[in-house]
Amino acid sequence: MEALRSPKNPEQKIIKRVIALEGDIVKTIGHKNRLVKVPRGHMWVEGDHHGHSFDSNAFGPVSQLVPCFCKSCMSKVKGKWNPIICNLLCSFNQD
């Protein structure tokens, strides 16, 4: 999972699934290029509603930052807390 600010509205926070990391080739859905190689230091993120989600298919690869362990940037999966890769520089805690 990736927490990031929306490129359309920086006041809005969005959470997307990480689909591919640097060097991976992604088969896109509605992106200007059918296949995209994710550049170094970036990742490809997508939402759960393919074709109806504002994600990398709309805005391209996003910068890959380090995992964030602050309380607001953790995700609970199968009863275990996991860090979300946070592209917000912990701004969840600053709001």
PDB file of N, CA and C in Angstrom:
ATOM      1  N   MET A   1       0.844  -1.173   0.000  1.00  0.00           N
ATOM      2  CA  MET A   1       0.000   0.000   0.000  1.00  0.00           C
ATOM      3  C   MET A   1       0.891   1.239   0.000  1.00  0.00           C
ATOM      4  N   GLU A   2       0.383   2.286  -0.585  1.00  0.00           N
ATOM      5  CA  GLU A   2       1.107   3.547  -0.697  1.00  0.00           C
ATOM      6  C   GLU A   2       0.153   4.671  -0.316  1.00  0.00           C
ATOM      7  N   ALA A   3       0.564   5.504   0.613  1.00  0.00           N
ATOM      8  CA  ALA A   3      -0.194   6.704   0.974  1.00  0.00           C
ATOM      9  C   ALA A   3       0.481   7.881   0.285  1.00  0.00           C
ATOM     10  N   LEU A   4      -0.280   8.677  -0.450  1.00  0.00           N
ATOM     11  CA  LEU A   4       0.307   9.817  -1.150  1.00  0.00           C
ATOM     12  C   LEU A   4      -0.701  10.930  -1.310  1.00  0.00           C
ATOM     13  N   ARG A   5      -0.207  12.091  -1.639  1.00  0.00           N
ATOM     14  CA  ARG A   5      -1.088  13.229  -1.928  1.00  0.00           C
ATOM     15  C   ARG A   5      -1.546  13.108  -3.376  1.00  0.00           C
ATOM     16  N   SER A   6      -2.776  13.443  -3.602  1.00  0.00           N
ATOM     17  CA  SER A   6      -3.337  13.390  -4.944  1.00  0.00           C
ATOM     18  C   SER A   6      -2.652  14.429  -5.837  1.00  0.00           C
ATOM     19  N   PRO A   7      -2.167  14.035  -7.017  1.00  0.00           N
ATOM     20  CA  PRO A   7      -1.582  15.013  -7.940  1.00  0.00           C
ATOM     21  C   PRO A   7      -2.618  16.024  -8.433  1.00  0.00           C
ATOM     22  N   LYS A   8      -3.889  15.638  -8.409  1.00  0.00           N
ATOM     23  CA  LYS A   8      -4.967  16.527  -8.852  1.00  0.00           C
ATOM     24  C   LYS A   8      -5.305  17.560  -7.781  1.00  0.00           C
ATOM     25  N   ASN A   9      -5.303  17.135  -6.513  1.00  0.00           N
ATOM     26  CA  ASN A   9      -5.645  18.000  -5.397  1.00  0.00           C
ATOM     27  C   ASN A   9      -4.707  17.677  -4.229  1.00  0.00           C
ATOM     28  N   PRO A  10      -3.626  18.464  -4.028  1.00  0.00           N
ATOM     29  CA  PRO A  10      -2.642  18.163  -2.991  1.00  0.00           C
ATOM     30  C   PRO A  10      -3.209  18.131  -1.569  1.00  0.00           C
ATOM     31  N   GLU A  11      -4.396  18.684  -1.368  1.00  0.00           N
ATOM     32  CA  GLU A  11      -5.036  18.643  -0.050  1.00  0.00           C
ATOM     33  C   GLU A  11      -5.634  17.265   0.231  1.00  0.00           C
ATOM     34  N   GLN A  12      -5.829  16.478  -0.821  1.00  0.00           N
ATOM     35  CA  GLN A  12      -6.461  15.165  -0.691  1.00  0.00           C
ATOM     36  C   GLN A  12      -5.399  14.079  -0.566  1.00  0.00           C
ATOM     37  N   LYS A  13      -5.630  13.150   0.379  1.00  0.00           N
ATOM     38  CA  LYS A  13      -4.733  12.009   0.552  1.00  0.00           C
ATOM     39  C   LYS A  13      -5.379  10.790  -0.083  1.00  0.00           C
ATOM     40  N   ILE A  14      -4.582  10.008  -0.804  1.00  0.00           N
ATOM     41  CA  ILE A  14      -5.096   8.795  -1.429  1.00  0.00           C
ATOM     42  C   ILE A  14      -4.214   7.611  -1.039  1.00  0.00           C
ATOM     43  N   ILE A  15      -4.802   6.438  -0.986  1.00  0.00           N
ATOM     44  CA  ILE A  15      -4.063   5.217  -0.679  1.00  0.00           C
ATOM     45  C   ILE A  15      -4.285   4.250  -1.825  1.00  0.00           C
ATOM     46  N   LYS A  16      -3.196   3.754  -2.396  1.00  0.00           N
ATOM     47  CA  LYS A  16      -3.246   2.861  -3.556  1.00  0.00           C
ATOM     48  C   LYS A  16      -2.386   1.632  -3.324  1.00  0.00           C
ATOM     49  N   ARG A  17      -2.625   0.598  -4.102  1.00  0.00           N
ATOM     50  CA  ARG A  17      -1.805  -0.614  -4.059  1.00  0.00           C
ATOM     51  C   ARG A  17      -0.572  -0.428  -4.937  1.00  0.00           C
ATOM     52  N   VAL A  18       0.568  -0.894  -4.455  1.00  0.00           N
ATOM     53  CA  VAL A  18       1.797  -0.866  -5.253  1.00  0.00           C
ATOM     54  C   VAL A  18       1.740  -2.061  -6.193  1.00  0.00           C
ATOM     55  N   ILE A  19       1.735  -1.795  -7.492  1.00  0.00           N
ATOM     56  CA  ILE A  19       1.626  -2.832  -8.520  1.00  0.00           C
ATOM     57  C   ILE A  19       3.002  -3.230  -9.049  1.00  0.00           C
ATOM     58  N   ALA A  20       3.908  -2.244  -9.185  1.00  0.00           N
ATOM     59  CA  ALA A  20       5.235  -2.522  -9.755  1.00  0.00           C
ATOM     60  C   ALA A  20       6.263  -1.566  -9.177  1.00  0.00           C
ATOM     61  N   LEU A  21       7.500  -2.042  -9.133  1.00  0.00           N
ATOM     62  CA  LEU A  21       8.611  -1.224  -8.647  1.00  0.00           C
ATOM     63  C   LEU A  21       9.565  -0.913  -9.790  1.00  0.00           C
ATOM     64  N   GLU A  22      10.595  -0.127  -9.503  1.00  0.00           N
ATOM     65  CA  GLU A  22      11.544   0.299 -10.542  1.00  0.00           C
ATOM     66  C   GLU A  22      12.049  -0.875 -11.361  1.00  0.00           C
ATOM     67  N   GLY A  23      12.085  -0.660 -12.673  1.00  0.00           N
ATOM     68  CA  GLY A  23      12.569  -1.692 -13.589  1.00  0.00           C
ATOM     69  C   GLY A  23      11.499  -2.636 -14.093  1.00  0.00           C
ATOM     70  N   ASP A  24      10.360  -2.702 -13.384  1.00  0.00           N
ATOM     71  CA  ASP A  24       9.266  -3.568 -13.830  1.00  0.00           C
ATOM     72  C   ASP A  24       8.560  -2.949 -15.035  1.00  0.00           C
ATOM     73  N   ILE A  25       7.998  -3.799 -15.870  1.00  0.00           N
ATOM     74  CA  ILE A  25       7.194  -3.331 -17.005  1.00  0.00           C
ATOM     75  C   ILE A  25       5.733  -3.590 -16.674  1.00  0.00           C
ATOM     76  N   VAL A  26       4.914  -2.547 -16.814  1.00  0.00           N
ATOM     77  CA  VAL A  26       3.505  -2.608 -16.445  1.00  0.00           C
ATOM     78  C   VAL A  26       2.640  -2.539 -17.692  1.00  0.00           C
ATOM     79  N   LYS A  27       1.645  -3.413 -17.774  1.00  0.00           N
ATOM     80  CA  LYS A  27       0.613  -3.321 -18.804  1.00  0.00           C
ATOM     81  C   LYS A  27      -0.458  -2.394 -18.242  1.00  0.00           C
ATOM     82  N   THR A  28      -0.600  -1.216 -18.838  1.00  0.00           N
ATOM     83  CA  THR A  28      -1.445  -0.167 -18.277  1.00  0.00           C
ATOM     84  C   THR A  28      -2.910  -0.302 -18.702  1.00  0.00           C
ATOM     85  N   ILE A  29      -3.731   0.456 -18.000  1.00  0.00           N
ATOM     86  CA  ILE A  29      -5.165   0.518 -18.303  1.00  0.00           C
ATOM     87  C   ILE A  29      -5.505   1.981 -18.586  1.00  0.00           C
ATOM     88  N   GLY A  30      -5.592   2.350 -19.844  1.00  0.00           N
ATOM     89  CA  GLY A  30      -5.967   3.716 -20.200  1.00  0.00           C
ATOM     90  C   GLY A  30      -4.843   4.742 -20.148  1.00  0.00           C
ATOM     91  N   HIS A  31      -3.628   4.341 -19.868  1.00  0.00           N
ATOM     92  CA  HIS A  31      -2.487   5.265 -19.872  1.00  0.00           C
ATOM     93  C   HIS A  31      -2.115   5.550 -21.323  1.00  0.00           C
ATOM     94  N   LYS A  32      -1.441   6.676 -21.568  1.00  0.00           N
ATOM     95  CA  LYS A  32      -1.078   7.033 -22.946  1.00  0.00           C
ATOM     96  C   LYS A  32      -0.191   5.988 -23.608  1.00  0.00           C
ATOM     97  N   ASN A  33       0.609   5.259 -22.822  1.00  0.00           N
ATOM     98  CA  ASN A  33       1.439   4.169 -23.340  1.00  0.00           C
ATOM     99  C   ASN A  33       0.894   2.846 -22.825  1.00  0.00           C
ATOM    100  N   ARG A  34       0.764   1.862 -23.689  1.00  0.00           N
ATOM    101  CA  ARG A  34       0.211   0.553 -23.303  1.00  0.00           C
ATOM    102  C   ARG A  34       1.120  -0.181 -22.323  1.00  0.00           C
ATOM    103  N   LEU A  35       2.434  -0.083 -22.543  1.00  0.00           N
ATOM    104  CA  LEU A  35       3.415  -0.677 -21.632  1.00  0.00           C
ATOM    105  C   LEU A  35       4.314   0.434 -21.097  1.00  0.00           C
ATOM    106  N   VAL A  36       4.595   0.380 -19.810  1.00  0.00           N
ATOM    107  CA  VAL A  36       5.443   1.388 -19.175  1.00  0.00           C
ATOM    108  C   VAL A  36       6.506   0.683 -18.341  1.00  0.00           C
ATOM    109  N   LYS A  37       7.768   1.084 -18.529  1.00  0.00           N
ATOM    110  CA  LYS A  37       8.839   0.591 -17.658  1.00  0.00           C
ATOM    111  C   LYS A  37       8.977   1.597 -16.513  1.00  0.00           C
ATOM    112  N   VAL A  38       8.818   1.117 -15.290  1.00  0.00           N
ATOM    113  CA  VAL A  38       8.854   1.994 -14.124  1.00  0.00           C
ATOM    114  C   VAL A  38      10.287   2.497 -13.933  1.00  0.00           C
ATOM    115  N   PRO A  39      10.478   3.833 -13.921  1.00  0.00           N
ATOM    116  CA  PRO A  39      11.826   4.385 -13.800  1.00  0.00           C
ATOM    117  C   PRO A  39      12.447   4.149 -12.414  1.00  0.00           C
ATOM    118  N   ARG A  40      13.750   4.303 -12.354  1.00  0.00           N
ATOM    119  CA  ARG A  40      14.494   4.136 -11.106  1.00  0.00           C
ATOM    120  C   ARG A  40      13.937   5.076 -10.028  1.00  0.00           C
ATOM    121  N   GLY A  41      13.762   4.538  -8.819  1.00  0.00           N
ATOM    122  CA  GLY A  41      13.283   5.346  -7.699  1.00  0.00           C
ATOM    123  C   GLY A  41      11.789   5.611  -7.705  1.00  0.00           C
ATOM    124  N   HIS A  42      11.060   4.891  -8.566  1.00  0.00           N
ATOM    125  CA  HIS A  42       9.612   5.104  -8.678  1.00  0.00           C
ATOM    126  C   HIS A  42       8.860   3.782  -8.537  1.00  0.00           C
ATOM    127  N   MET A  43       7.538   3.893  -8.426  1.00  0.00           N
ATOM    128  CA  MET A  43       6.668   2.723  -8.388  1.00  0.00           C
ATOM    129  C   MET A  43       5.375   3.044  -9.129  1.00  0.00           C
ATOM    130  N   TRP A  44       4.652   2.006  -9.482  1.00  0.00           N
ATOM    131  CA  TRP A  44       3.376   2.127 -10.181  1.00  0.00           C
ATOM    132  C   TRP A  44       2.290   1.749  -9.178  1.00  0.00           C
ATOM    133  N   VAL A  45       1.308   2.635  -8.978  1.00  0.00           N
ATOM    134  CA  VAL A  45       0.232   2.376  -8.018  1.00  0.00           C
ATOM    135  C   VAL A  45      -1.113   2.356  -8.735  1.00  0.00           C
ATOM    136  N   GLU A  46      -2.009   1.514  -8.250  1.00  0.00           N
ATOM    137  CA  GLU A  46      -3.357   1.431  -8.818  1.00  0.00           C
ATOM    138  C   GLU A  46      -4.377   1.259  -7.706  1.00  0.00           C
ATOM    139  N   GLY A  47      -5.590   1.726  -7.990  1.00  0.00           N
ATOM    140  CA  GLY A  47      -6.696   1.570  -7.056  1.00  0.00           C
ATOM    141  C   GLY A  47      -7.412   0.249  -7.271  1.00  0.00           C
ATOM    142  N   ASP A  48      -8.365  -0.029  -6.402  1.00  0.00           N
ATOM    143  CA  ASP A  48      -9.111  -1.287  -6.473  1.00  0.00           C
ATOM    144  C   ASP A  48     -10.128  -1.323  -7.607  1.00  0.00           C
ATOM    145  N   HIS A  49     -10.568  -0.162  -8.071  1.00  0.00           N
ATOM    146  CA  HIS A  49     -11.614  -0.107  -9.100  1.00  0.00           C
ATOM    147  C   HIS A  49     -10.986   0.218 -10.456  1.00  0.00           C
ATOM    148  N   HIS A  50     -10.429  -0.817 -11.108  1.00  0.00           N
ATOM    149  CA  HIS A  50      -9.742  -0.643 -12.392  1.00  0.00           C
ATOM    150  C   HIS A  50     -10.619   0.094 -13.390  1.00  0.00           C
ATOM    151  N   GLY A  51     -10.046   1.087 -14.017  1.00  0.00           N
ATOM    152  CA  GLY A  51     -10.768   1.878 -15.004  1.00  0.00           C
ATOM    153  C   GLY A  51     -11.557   3.023 -14.409  1.00  0.00           C
ATOM    154  N   HIS A  52     -11.733   3.028 -13.074  1.00  0.00           N
ATOM    155  CA  HIS A  52     -12.486   4.097 -12.414  1.00  0.00           C
ATOM    156  C   HIS A  52     -11.692   4.718 -11.273  1.00  0.00           C
ATOM    157  N   SER A  53     -10.405   4.460 -11.240  1.00  0.00           N
ATOM    158  CA  SER A  53      -9.561   4.930 -10.142  1.00  0.00           C
ATOM    159  C   SER A  53      -8.559   5.957 -10.645  1.00  0.00           C
ATOM    160  N   PHE A  54      -8.344   7.007  -9.851  1.00  0.00           N
ATOM    161  CA  PHE A  54      -7.320   8.012 -10.167  1.00  0.00           C
ATOM    162  C   PHE A  54      -6.003   7.486  -9.619  1.00  0.00           C
ATOM    163  N   ASP A  55      -5.171   6.921 -10.501  1.00  0.00           N
ATOM    164  CA  ASP A  55      -3.950   6.237 -10.089  1.00  0.00           C
ATOM    165  C   ASP A  55      -2.862   6.433 -11.133  1.00  0.00           C
ATOM    166  N   SER A  56      -1.834   5.594 -11.121  1.00  0.00           N
ATOM    167  CA  SER A  56      -0.716   5.745 -12.065  1.00  0.00           C
ATOM    168  C   SER A  56      -1.157   5.676 -13.519  1.00  0.00           C
ATOM    169  N   ASN A  57      -2.278   5.030 -13.793  1.00  0.00           N
ATOM    170  CA  ASN A  57      -2.784   5.027 -15.165  1.00  0.00           C
ATOM    171  C   ASN A  57      -3.146   6.439 -15.611  1.00  0.00           C
ATOM    172  N   ALA A  58      -3.459   7.323 -14.657  1.00  0.00           N
ATOM    173  CA  ALA A  58      -3.780   8.712 -14.962  1.00  0.00           C
ATOM    174  C   ALA A  58      -2.569   9.631 -14.810  1.00  0.00           C
ATOM    175  N   PHE A  59      -1.757   9.431 -13.734  1.00  0.00           N
ATOM    176  CA  PHE A  59      -0.675  10.369 -13.464  1.00  0.00           C
ATOM    177  C   PHE A  59       0.726   9.786 -13.594  1.00  0.00           C
ATOM    178  N   GLY A  60       0.855   8.508 -13.959  1.00  0.00           N
ATOM    179  CA  GLY A  60       2.164   7.907 -14.186  1.00  0.00           C
ATOM    180  C   GLY A  60       2.817   7.403 -12.905  1.00  0.00           C
ATOM    181  N   PRO A  61       4.086   6.981 -12.995  1.00  0.00           N
ATOM    182  CA  PRO A  61       4.799   6.456 -11.833  1.00  0.00           C
ATOM    183  C   PRO A  61       4.966   7.521 -10.753  1.00  0.00           C
ATOM    184  N   VAL A  62       5.029   7.087  -9.499  1.00  0.00           N
ATOM    185  CA  VAL A  62       5.231   8.012  -8.378  1.00  0.00           C
ATOM    186  C   VAL A  62       6.566   7.707  -7.708  1.00  0.00           C
ATOM    187  N   SER A  63       7.125   8.721  -7.050  1.00  0.00           N
ATOM    188  CA  SER A  63       8.401   8.575  -6.364  1.00  0.00           C
ATOM    189  C   SER A  63       8.278   7.564  -5.235  1.00  0.00           C
ATOM    190  N   GLN A  64       9.293   6.731  -5.097  1.00  0.00           N
ATOM    191  CA  GLN A  64       9.308   5.698  -4.064  1.00  0.00           C
ATOM    192  C   GLN A  64      10.107   6.195  -2.872  1.00  0.00           C
ATOM    193  N   LEU A  65       9.460   6.280  -1.719  1.00  0.00           N
ATOM    194  CA  LEU A  65      10.128   6.729  -0.510  1.00  0.00           C
ATOM    195  C   LEU A  65      10.200   5.576   0.493  1.00  0.00           C
ATOM    196  N   VAL A  66      10.769   5.830   1.643  1.00  0.00           N
ATOM    197  CA  VAL A  66      10.953   4.789   2.647  1.00  0.00           C
ATOM    198  C   VAL A  66       9.645   4.498   3.391  1.00  0.00           C
ATOM    199  N   PRO A  67       9.497   3.273   3.938  1.00  0.00           N
ATOM    200  CA  PRO A  67       8.303   2.962   4.717  1.00  0.00           C
ATOM    201  C   PRO A  67       8.183   3.880   5.923  1.00  0.00           C
ATOM    202  N   CYS A  68       6.961   4.236   6.254  1.00  0.00           N
ATOM    203  CA  CYS A  68       6.675   5.109   7.384  1.00  0.00           C
ATOM    204  C   CYS A  68       6.016   4.267   8.480  1.00  0.00           C
ATOM    205  N   PHE A  69       6.497   4.390   9.702  1.00  0.00           N
ATOM    206  CA  PHE A  69       5.969   3.596  10.801  1.00  0.00           C
ATOM    207  C   PHE A  69       5.110   4.408  11.759  1.00  0.00           C
ATOM    208  N   CYS A  70       4.724   5.646  11.391  1.00  0.00           N
ATOM    209  CA  CYS A  70       3.872   6.416  12.293  1.00  0.00           C
ATOM    210  C   CYS A  70       2.487   5.754  12.351  1.00  0.00           C
ATOM    211  N   LYS A  71       1.781   5.953  13.443  1.00  0.00           N
ATOM    212  CA  LYS A  71       0.507   5.273  13.689  1.00  0.00           C
ATOM    213  C   LYS A  71      -0.485   5.448  12.540  1.00  0.00           C
ATOM    214  N   SER A  72      -0.546   6.636  11.970  1.00  0.00           N
ATOM    215  CA  SER A  72      -1.517   6.913  10.908  1.00  0.00           C
ATOM    216  C   SER A  72      -1.133   6.288   9.574  1.00  0.00           C
ATOM    217  N   CYS A  73       0.118   5.837   9.447  1.00  0.00           N
ATOM    218  CA  CYS A  73       0.592   5.279   8.186  1.00  0.00           C
ATOM    219  C   CYS A  73       0.788   3.769   8.276  1.00  0.00           C
ATOM    220  N   MET A  74       0.064   3.134   9.175  1.00  0.00           N
ATOM    221  CA  MET A  74       0.159   1.683   9.321  1.00  0.00           C
ATOM    222  C   MET A  74      -1.127   1.043   8.790  1.00  0.00           C
ATOM    223  N   SER A  75      -1.001  -0.135   8.248  1.00  0.00           N
ATOM    224  CA  SER A  75      -2.117  -0.872   7.683  1.00  0.00           C
ATOM    225  C   SER A  75      -2.218  -2.218   8.398  1.00  0.00           C
ATOM    226  N   LYS A  76      -3.431  -2.593   8.816  1.00  0.00           N
ATOM    227  CA  LYS A  76      -3.607  -3.871   9.495  1.00  0.00           C
ATOM    228  C   LYS A  76      -4.075  -4.913   8.486  1.00  0.00           C
ATOM    229  N   VAL A  77      -3.254  -5.942   8.290  1.00  0.00           N
ATOM    230  CA  VAL A  77      -3.569  -7.023   7.364  1.00  0.00           C
ATOM    231  C   VAL A  77      -3.477  -8.335   8.124  1.00  0.00           C
ATOM    232  N   LYS A  78      -4.556  -9.105   8.096  1.00  0.00           N
ATOM    233  CA  LYS A  78      -4.599 -10.402   8.790  1.00  0.00           C
ATOM    234  C   LYS A  78      -4.144 -10.292  10.241  1.00  0.00           C
ATOM    235  N   GLY A  79      -4.596  -9.242  10.920  1.00  0.00           N
ATOM    236  CA  GLY A  79      -4.297  -9.065  12.331  1.00  0.00           C
ATOM    237  C   GLY A  79      -2.911  -8.540  12.645  1.00  0.00           C
ATOM    238  N   LYS A  80      -2.098  -8.241  11.627  1.00  0.00           N
ATOM    239  CA  LYS A  80      -0.741  -7.758  11.841  1.00  0.00           C
ATOM    240  C   LYS A  80      -0.594  -6.339  11.273  1.00  0.00           C
ATOM    241  N   TRP A  81       0.013  -5.441  12.043  1.00  0.00           N
ATOM    242  CA  TRP A  81       0.238  -4.079  11.581  1.00  0.00           C
ATOM    243  C   TRP A  81       1.472  -4.028  10.687  1.00  0.00           C
ATOM    244  N   ASN A  82       1.327  -3.390   9.522  1.00  0.00           N
ATOM    245  CA  ASN A  82       2.408  -3.285   8.537  1.00  0.00           C
ATOM    246  C   ASN A  82       2.595  -1.829   8.133  1.00  0.00           C
ATOM    247  N   PRO A  83       3.845  -1.419   7.861  1.00  0.00           N
ATOM    248  CA  PRO A  83       4.052  -0.035   7.425  1.00  0.00           C
ATOM    249  C   PRO A  83       3.536   0.160   6.000  1.00  0.00           C
ATOM    250  N   ILE A  84       3.021   1.343   5.763  1.00  0.00           N
ATOM    251  CA  ILE A  84       2.652   1.754   4.412  1.00  0.00           C
ATOM    252  C   ILE A  84       3.795   2.618   3.907  1.00  0.00           C
ATOM    253  N   ILE A  85       4.173   2.477   2.647  1.00  0.00           N
ATOM    254  CA  ILE A  85       5.196   3.361   2.076  1.00  0.00           C
ATOM    255  C   ILE A  85       4.559   4.738   1.985  1.00  0.00           C
ATOM    256  N   CYS A  86       5.098   5.692   2.709  1.00  0.00           N
ATOM    257  CA  CYS A  86       4.451   6.991   2.876  1.00  0.00           C
ATOM    258  C   CYS A  86       5.121   8.050   2.016  1.00  0.00           C
ATOM    259  N   ASN A  87       4.365   8.611   1.122  1.00  0.00           N
ATOM    260  CA  ASN A  87       4.839   9.685   0.247  1.00  0.00           C
ATOM    261  C   ASN A  87       4.325  11.035   0.763  1.00  0.00           C
ATOM    262  N   LEU A  88       3.908  11.051   2.033  1.00  0.00           N
ATOM    263  CA  LEU A  88       3.332  12.252   2.616  1.00  0.00           C
ATOM    264  C   LEU A  88       4.273  12.939   3.587  1.00  0.00           C
ATOM    265  N   LEU A  89       5.436  12.353   3.822  1.00  0.00           N
ATOM    266  CA  LEU A  89       6.378  12.863   4.812  1.00  0.00           C
ATOM    267  C   LEU A  89       5.666  13.050   6.150  1.00  0.00           C
ATOM    268  N   CYS A  90       4.854  12.053   6.511  1.00  0.00           N
ATOM    269  CA  CYS A  90       4.120  11.982   7.772  1.00  0.00           C
ATOM    270  C   CYS A  90       3.124  13.125   7.952  1.00  0.00           C
ATOM    271  N   SER A  91       2.606  13.698   6.896  1.00  0.00           N
ATOM    272  CA  SER A  91       1.652  14.791   7.036  1.00  0.00           C
ATOM    273  C   SER A  91       0.313  14.303   7.580  1.00  0.00           C
ATOM    274  N   PHE A  92       0.083  12.973   7.601  1.00  0.00           N
ATOM    275  CA  PHE A  92      -1.128  12.482   8.247  1.00  0.00           C
ATOM    276  C   PHE A  92      -1.123  12.941   9.710  1.00  0.00           C
ATOM    277  N   ASN A  93       0.046  12.996  10.342  1.00  0.00           N
ATOM    278  CA  ASN A  93       0.148  13.402  11.739  1.00  0.00           C
ATOM    279  C   ASN A  93       0.064  14.908  11.914  1.00  0.00           C
ATOM    280  N   GLN A  94       0.218  15.669  10.839  1.00  0.00           N
ATOM    281  CA  GLN A  94       0.261  17.124  10.949  1.00  0.00           C
ATOM    282  C   GLN A  94      -1.084  17.773  10.692  1.00  0.00           C
ATOM    283  N   ASP A  95      -2.080  17.001  10.262  1.00  0.00           N
ATOM    284  CA  ASP A  95      -3.400  17.573   9.956  1.00  0.00           C
ATOM    285  C   ASP A  95      -4.251  17.688  11.198  1.00  0.00           C
TER     286      ASP A  95
END
